[in-house]
Amino acid sequence: PASLAQLKPMMSDIPSLKLDCEGEGVRLM
């Protein structure tokens, strides 16, 4: 199953997206 743990390392290869970890959750922005 898809997970944040798997997605996080890919974010450096996706410059159009970022993870915002402020607050209680994580926003994919």
PDB file of all heavy atoms in Angstrom:
ATOM      1  N   PRO A   1       0.820  -1.207   0.000  1.00  0.00           N
ATOM      2  CA  PRO A   1       0.000   0.000   0.000  1.00  0.00           C
ATOM      3  C   PRO A   1       0.859   1.264   0.000  1.00  0.00           C
ATOM      4  O   PRO A   1       1.951   1.294   0.567  1.00  0.00           O
ATOM      5  CB  PRO A   1      -0.807  -0.108   1.298  1.00  0.00           C
ATOM      6  CG  PRO A   1       0.055  -0.918   2.215  1.00  0.00           C
ATOM      7  CD  PRO A   1       0.822  -1.862   1.327  1.00  0.00           C
ATOM      8  N   ALA A   2       0.345   2.277  -0.665  1.00  0.00           N
ATOM      9  CA  ALA A   2       1.015   3.579  -0.720  1.00  0.00           C
ATOM     10  C   ALA A   2       1.182   4.120   0.691  1.00  0.00           C
ATOM     11  O   ALA A   2       0.346   3.886   1.557  1.00  0.00           O
ATOM     12  CB  ALA A   2       0.195   4.555  -1.556  1.00  0.00           C
ATOM     13  N   SER A   3       2.282   4.846   0.903  1.00  0.00           N
ATOM     14  CA  SER A   3       2.505   5.413   2.230  1.00  0.00           C
ATOM     15  C   SER A   3       3.353   6.670   2.132  1.00  0.00           C
ATOM     16  O   SER A   3       4.107   6.856   1.182  1.00  0.00           O
ATOM     17  CB  SER A   3       3.204   4.394   3.140  1.00  0.00           C
ATOM     18  OG  SER A   3       4.529   4.176   2.699  1.00  0.00           O
ATOM     19  N   LEU A   4       3.220   7.497   3.136  1.00  0.00           N
ATOM     20  CA  LEU A   4       4.043   8.697   3.235  1.00  0.00           C
ATOM     21  C   LEU A   4       5.518   8.327   3.321  1.00  0.00           C
ATOM     22  O   LEU A   4       6.368   8.978   2.716  1.00  0.00           O
ATOM     23  CB  LEU A   4       3.610   9.524   4.452  1.00  0.00           C
ATOM     24  CG  LEU A   4       4.416  10.774   4.749  1.00  0.00           C
ATOM     25  CD1 LEU A   4       4.385  11.744   3.579  1.00  0.00           C
ATOM     26  CD2 LEU A   4       3.880  11.452   6.021  1.00  0.00           C
ATOM     27  N   ALA A   5       5.842   7.251   4.043  1.00  0.00           N
ATOM     28  CA  ALA A   5       7.241   6.828   4.188  1.00  0.00           C
ATOM     29  C   ALA A   5       7.865   6.519   2.828  1.00  0.00           C
ATOM     30  O   ALA A   5       9.041   6.803   2.605  1.00  0.00           O
ATOM     31  CB  ALA A   5       7.326   5.613   5.105  1.00  0.00           C
ATOM     32  N   GLN A   6       7.087   5.952   1.909  1.00  0.00           N
ATOM     33  CA  GLN A   6       7.611   5.661   0.568  1.00  0.00           C
ATOM     34  C   GLN A   6       7.662   6.921  -0.297  1.00  0.00           C
ATOM     35  O   GLN A   6       8.542   7.072  -1.125  1.00  0.00           O
ATOM     36  CB  GLN A   6       6.739   4.620  -0.137  1.00  0.00           C
ATOM     37  CG  GLN A   6       6.830   3.230   0.451  1.00  0.00           C
ATOM     38  CD  GLN A   6       6.050   2.252  -0.395  1.00  0.00           C
ATOM     39  OE1 GLN A   6       6.573   1.714  -1.358  1.00  0.00           O
ATOM     40  NE2 GLN A   6       4.796   2.029  -0.039  1.00  0.00           N
ATOM     41  N   LEU A   7       6.702   7.818  -0.112  1.00  0.00           N
ATOM     42  CA  LEU A   7       6.610   9.013  -0.941  1.00  0.00           C
ATOM     43  C   LEU A   7       7.676  10.052  -0.587  1.00  0.00           C
ATOM     44  O   LEU A   7       8.228  10.703  -1.472  1.00  0.00           O
ATOM     45  CB  LEU A   7       5.213   9.627  -0.827  1.00  0.00           C
ATOM     46  CG  LEU A   7       4.887  10.770  -1.773  1.00  0.00           C
ATOM     47  CD1 LEU A   7       5.025  10.339  -3.228  1.00  0.00           C
ATOM     48  CD2 LEU A   7       3.480  11.286  -1.501  1.00  0.00           C
ATOM     49  N   LYS A   8       7.987  10.184   0.697  1.00  0.00           N
ATOM     50  CA  LYS A   8       8.919  11.228   1.151  1.00  0.00           C
ATOM     51  C   LYS A   8      10.238  11.253   0.382  1.00  0.00           C
ATOM     52  O   LYS A   8      10.653  12.309  -0.082  1.00  0.00           O
ATOM     53  CB  LYS A   8       9.201  11.082   2.653  1.00  0.00           C
ATOM     54  CG  LYS A   8       8.397  11.997   3.511  1.00  0.00           C
ATOM     55  CD  LYS A   8       8.843  11.883   4.965  1.00  0.00           C
ATOM     56  CE  LYS A   8       7.975  12.760   5.821  1.00  0.00           C
ATOM     57  NZ  LYS A   8       8.331  12.667   7.235  1.00  0.00           N
ATOM     58  N   PRO A   9      10.934  10.126   0.218  1.00  0.00           N
ATOM     59  CA  PRO A   9      12.223  10.184  -0.478  1.00  0.00           C
ATOM     60  C   PRO A   9      12.111  10.605  -1.945  1.00  0.00           C
ATOM     61  O   PRO A   9      13.079  11.073  -2.525  1.00  0.00           O
ATOM     62  CB  PRO A   9      12.767   8.759  -0.376  1.00  0.00           C
ATOM     63  CG  PRO A   9      11.904   8.041   0.577  1.00  0.00           C
ATOM     64  CD  PRO A   9      10.646   8.805   0.737  1.00  0.00           C
ATOM     65  N   MET A  10      10.948  10.447  -2.538  1.00  0.00           N
ATOM     66  CA  MET A  10      10.747  10.814  -3.943  1.00  0.00           C
ATOM     67  C   MET A  10      10.569  12.310  -4.146  1.00  0.00           C
ATOM     68  O   MET A  10      10.688  12.805  -5.261  1.00  0.00           O
ATOM     69  CB  MET A  10       9.511  10.099  -4.499  1.00  0.00           C
ATOM     70  CG  MET A  10       9.626   8.616  -4.519  1.00  0.00           C
ATOM     71  SD  MET A  10       8.046   7.902  -5.000  1.00  0.00           S
ATOM     72  CE  MET A  10       8.137   6.350  -4.151  1.00  0.00           C
ATOM     73  N   MET A  11      10.272  13.014  -3.086  1.00  0.00           N
ATOM     74  CA  MET A  11       9.926  14.426  -3.215  1.00  0.00           C
ATOM     75  C   MET A  11      11.068  15.260  -3.801  1.00  0.00           C
ATOM     76  O   MET A  11      10.818  16.248  -4.485  1.00  0.00           O
ATOM     77  CB  MET A  11       9.457  15.003  -1.881  1.00  0.00           C
ATOM     78  CG  MET A  11       8.154  14.390  -1.359  1.00  0.00           C
ATOM     79  SD  MET A  11       6.806  14.345  -2.572  1.00  0.00           S
ATOM     80  CE  MET A  11       6.516  16.054  -2.840  1.00  0.00           C
ATOM     81  N   SER A  12      12.311  14.858  -3.580  1.00  0.00           N
ATOM     82  CA  SER A  12      13.423  15.621  -4.161  1.00  0.00           C
ATOM     83  C   SER A  12      13.458  15.472  -5.686  1.00  0.00           C
ATOM     84  O   SER A  12      14.032  16.303  -6.375  1.00  0.00           O
ATOM     85  CB  SER A  12      14.754  15.176  -3.554  1.00  0.00           C
ATOM     86  OG  SER A  12      14.984  13.810  -3.842  1.00  0.00           O
ATOM     87  N   ASP A  13      12.830  14.423  -6.209  1.00  0.00           N
ATOM     88  CA  ASP A  13      12.760  14.218  -7.655  1.00  0.00           C
ATOM     89  C   ASP A  13      11.503  14.825  -8.266  1.00  0.00           C
ATOM     90  O   ASP A  13      11.279  14.705  -9.471  1.00  0.00           O
ATOM     91  CB  ASP A  13      12.804  12.725  -7.980  1.00  0.00           C
ATOM     92  CG  ASP A  13      14.146  12.106  -7.625  1.00  0.00           C
ATOM     93  OD1 ASP A  13      15.166  12.811  -7.706  1.00  0.00           O
ATOM     94  OD2 ASP A  13      14.164  10.917  -7.264  1.00  0.00           O
ATOM     95  N   ILE A  14      10.671  15.441  -7.439  1.00  0.00           N
ATOM     96  CA  ILE A  14       9.428  16.058  -7.920  1.00  0.00           C
ATOM     97  C   ILE A  14       9.439  17.523  -7.483  1.00  0.00           C
ATOM     98  O   ILE A  14       8.822  17.898  -6.485  1.00  0.00           O
ATOM     99  CB  ILE A  14       8.175  15.331  -7.367  1.00  0.00           C
ATOM    100  CG1 ILE A  14       8.250  13.825  -7.652  1.00  0.00           C
ATOM    101  CG2 ILE A  14       6.906  15.929  -7.979  1.00  0.00           C
ATOM    102  CD1 ILE A  14       7.126  13.015  -7.024  1.00  0.00           C
ATOM    103  N   PRO A  15      10.147  18.387  -8.206  1.00  0.00           N
ATOM    104  CA  PRO A  15      10.304  19.779  -7.777  1.00  0.00           C
ATOM    105  C   PRO A  15       9.004  20.580  -7.775  1.00  0.00           C
ATOM    106  O   PRO A  15       8.930  21.609  -7.115  1.00  0.00           O
ATOM    107  CB  PRO A  15      11.309  20.355  -8.784  1.00  0.00           C
ATOM    108  CG  PRO A  15      11.274  19.443  -9.948  1.00  0.00           C
ATOM    109  CD  PRO A  15      10.874  18.095  -9.439  1.00  0.00           C
ATOM    110  N   SER A  16       7.969  20.088  -8.452  1.00  0.00           N
ATOM    111  CA  SER A  16       6.698  20.817  -8.494  1.00  0.00           C
ATOM    112  C   SER A  16       5.865  20.606  -7.232  1.00  0.00           C
ATOM    113  O   SER A  16       4.852  21.280  -7.039  1.00  0.00           O
ATOM    114  CB  SER A  16       5.887  20.396  -9.723  1.00  0.00           C
ATOM    115  OG  SER A  16       5.612  19.000  -9.670  1.00  0.00           O
ATOM    116  N   LEU A  17       6.306  19.696  -6.357  1.00  0.00           N
ATOM    117  CA  LEU A  17       5.558  19.385  -5.134  1.00  0.00           C
ATOM    118  C   LEU A  17       6.465  19.492  -3.917  1.00  0.00           C
ATOM    119  O   LEU A  17       7.671  19.327  -4.017  1.00  0.00           O
ATOM    120  CB  LEU A  17       4.983  17.966  -5.209  1.00  0.00           C
ATOM    121  CG  LEU A  17       3.984  17.694  -6.317  1.00  0.00           C
ATOM    122  CD1 LEU A  17       3.639  16.214  -6.359  1.00  0.00           C
ATOM    123  CD2 LEU A  17       2.733  18.533  -6.141  1.00  0.00           C
ATOM    124  N   LYS A  18       5.840  19.736  -2.767  1.00  0.00           N
ATOM    125  CA  LYS A  18       6.584  19.738  -1.515  1.00  0.00           C
ATOM    126  C   LYS A  18       5.674  19.230  -0.409  1.00  0.00           C
ATOM    127  O   LYS A  18       4.453  19.323  -0.496  1.00  0.00           O
ATOM    128  CB  LYS A  18       7.100  21.141  -1.181  1.00  0.00           C
ATOM    129  CG  LYS A  18       6.005  22.141  -0.872  1.00  0.00           C
ATOM    130  CD  LYS A  18       6.566  23.487  -0.490  1.00  0.00           C
ATOM    131  CE  LYS A  18       5.410  24.420  -0.135  1.00  0.00           C
ATOM    132  NZ  LYS A  18       5.861  25.676   0.402  1.00  0.00           N
ATOM    133  N   LEU A  19       6.295  18.712   0.618  1.00  0.00           N
ATOM    134  CA  LEU A  19       5.563  18.279   1.803  1.00  0.00           C
ATOM    135  C   LEU A  19       5.664  19.356   2.855  1.00  0.00           C
ATOM    136  O   LEU A  19       6.760  19.808   3.183  1.00  0.00           O
ATOM    137  CB  LEU A  19       6.129  16.962   2.342  1.00  0.00           C
ATOM    138  CG  LEU A  19       5.881  15.726   1.490  1.00  0.00           C
ATOM    139  CD1 LEU A  19       6.641  14.541   2.052  1.00  0.00           C
ATOM    140  CD2 LEU A  19       4.394  15.418   1.398  1.00  0.00           C
ATOM    141  N   ASP A  20       4.533  19.779   3.376  1.00  0.00           N
ATOM    142  CA  ASP A  20       4.468  20.774   4.442  1.00  0.00           C
ATOM    143  C   ASP A  20       4.112  20.014   5.710  1.00  0.00           C
ATOM    144  O   ASP A  20       2.996  19.514   5.844  1.00  0.00           O
ATOM    145  CB  ASP A  20       3.414  21.829   4.100  1.00  0.00           C
ATOM    146  CG  ASP A  20       3.260  22.886   5.174  1.00  0.00           C
ATOM    147  OD1 ASP A  20       3.978  22.830   6.193  1.00  0.00           O
ATOM    148  OD2 ASP A  20       2.399  23.769   5.003  1.00  0.00           O
ATOM    149  N   CYS A  21       5.059  19.909   6.624  1.00  0.00           N
ATOM    150  CA  CYS A  21       4.881  19.099   7.822  1.00  0.00           C
ATOM    151  C   CYS A  21       4.500  19.920   9.050  1.00  0.00           C
ATOM    152  O   CYS A  21       4.631  19.451  10.174  1.00  0.00           O
ATOM    153  CB  CYS A  21       6.148  18.304   8.099  1.00  0.00           C
ATOM    154  SG  CYS A  21       6.570  17.189   6.754  1.00  0.00           S
ATOM    155  N   GLU A  22       4.045  21.149   8.846  1.00  0.00           N
ATOM    156  CA  GLU A  22       3.636  21.971   9.985  1.00  0.00           C
ATOM    157  C   GLU A  22       2.293  21.487  10.508  1.00  0.00           C
ATOM    158  O   GLU A  22       1.448  21.043   9.754  1.00  0.00           O
ATOM    159  CB  GLU A  22       3.527  23.438   9.572  1.00  0.00           C
ATOM    160  CG  GLU A  22       4.860  24.076   9.253  1.00  0.00           C
ATOM    161  CD  GLU A  22       4.716  25.536   8.862  1.00  0.00           C
ATOM    162  OE1 GLU A  22       3.753  26.181   9.306  1.00  0.00           O
ATOM    163  OE2 GLU A  22       5.570  26.012   8.108  1.00  0.00           O
ATOM    164  N   GLY A  23       2.109  21.589  11.803  1.00  0.00           N
ATOM    165  CA  GLY A  23       0.835  21.194  12.389  1.00  0.00           C
ATOM    166  C   GLY A  23       0.753  19.696  12.600  1.00  0.00           C
ATOM    167  O   GLY A  23       1.753  18.997  12.629  1.00  0.00           O
ATOM    168  N   GLU A  24      -0.479  19.195  12.714  1.00  0.00           N
ATOM    169  CA  GLU A  24      -0.685  17.803  13.073  1.00  0.00           C
ATOM    170  C   GLU A  24      -0.503  16.839  11.908  1.00  0.00           C
ATOM    171  O   GLU A  24      -0.058  15.723  12.076  1.00  0.00           O
ATOM    172  CB  GLU A  24      -2.089  17.611  13.663  1.00  0.00           C
ATOM    173  CG  GLU A  24      -2.280  16.228  14.220  1.00  0.00           C
ATOM    174  CD  GLU A  24      -3.551  16.096  14.998  1.00  0.00           C
ATOM    175  OE1 GLU A  24      -3.793  16.937  15.871  1.00  0.00           O
ATOM    176  OE2 GLU A  24      -4.296  15.156  14.720  1.00  0.00           O
ATOM    177  N   GLY A  25      -0.830  17.254  10.721  1.00  0.00           N
ATOM    178  CA  GLY A  25      -0.719  16.362   9.566  1.00  0.00           C
ATOM    179  C   GLY A  25       0.381  16.817   8.634  1.00  0.00           C
ATOM    180  O   GLY A  25       1.215  17.637   8.960  1.00  0.00           O
ATOM    181  N   VAL A  26       0.344  16.244   7.461  1.00  0.00           N
ATOM    182  CA  VAL A  26       1.283  16.578   6.408  1.00  0.00           C
ATOM    183  C   VAL A  26       0.467  16.989   5.208  1.00  0.00           C
ATOM    184  O   VAL A  26      -0.476  16.306   4.832  1.00  0.00           O
ATOM    185  CB  VAL A  26       2.178  15.372   6.049  1.00  0.00           C
ATOM    186  CG1 VAL A  26       3.069  15.687   4.880  1.00  0.00           C
ATOM    187  CG2 VAL A  26       2.973  14.912   7.242  1.00  0.00           C
ATOM    188  N   ARG A  27       0.819  18.126   4.622  1.00  0.00           N
ATOM    189  CA  ARG A  27       0.096  18.574   3.435  1.00  0.00           C
ATOM    190  C   ARG A  27       1.006  18.407   2.227  1.00  0.00           C
ATOM    191  O   ARG A  27       2.161  18.818   2.256  1.00  0.00           O
ATOM    192  CB  ARG A  27      -0.330  20.031   3.575  1.00  0.00           C
ATOM    193  CG  ARG A  27      -1.367  20.203   4.690  1.00  0.00           C
ATOM    194  CD  ARG A  27      -1.871  21.596   4.763  1.00  0.00           C
ATOM    195  NE  ARG A  27      -0.755  22.527   5.033  1.00  0.00           N
ATOM    196  CZ  ARG A  27      -0.899  23.826   5.163  1.00  0.00           C
ATOM    197  NH1 ARG A  27      -2.063  24.396   5.037  1.00  0.00           N
ATOM    198  NH2 ARG A  27       0.153  24.588   5.412  1.00  0.00           N
ATOM    199  N   LEU A  28       0.469  17.809   1.178  1.00  0.00           N
ATOM    200  CA  LEU A  28       1.162  17.718  -0.088  1.00  0.00           C
ATOM    201  C   LEU A  28       0.766  18.964  -0.863  1.00  0.00           C
ATOM    202  O   LEU A  28      -0.397  19.153  -1.205  1.00  0.00           O
ATOM    203  CB  LEU A  28       0.773  16.450  -0.848  1.00  0.00           C
ATOM    204  CG  LEU A  28       1.483  16.203  -2.182  1.00  0.00           C
ATOM    205  CD1 LEU A  28       2.997  16.105  -1.989  1.00  0.00           C
ATOM    206  CD2 LEU A  28       0.942  14.959  -2.850  1.00  0.00           C
ATOM    207  N   MET A  29       1.751  19.824  -1.087  1.00  0.00           N
ATOM    208  CA  MET A  29       1.486  21.158  -1.646  1.00  0.00           C
ATOM    209  C   MET A  29       2.157  21.322  -3.000  1.00  0.00           C
ATOM    210  O   MET A  29       3.165  20.688  -3.275  1.00  0.00           O
ATOM    211  CB  MET A  29       2.038  22.228  -0.705  1.00  0.00           C
ATOM    212  CG  MET A  29       1.589  22.121   0.741  1.00  0.00           C
ATOM    213  SD  MET A  29      -0.134  22.525   0.975  1.00  0.00           S
ATOM    214  CE  MET A  29      -0.102  24.282   0.704  1.00  0.00           C
TER     215      MET A  29
END
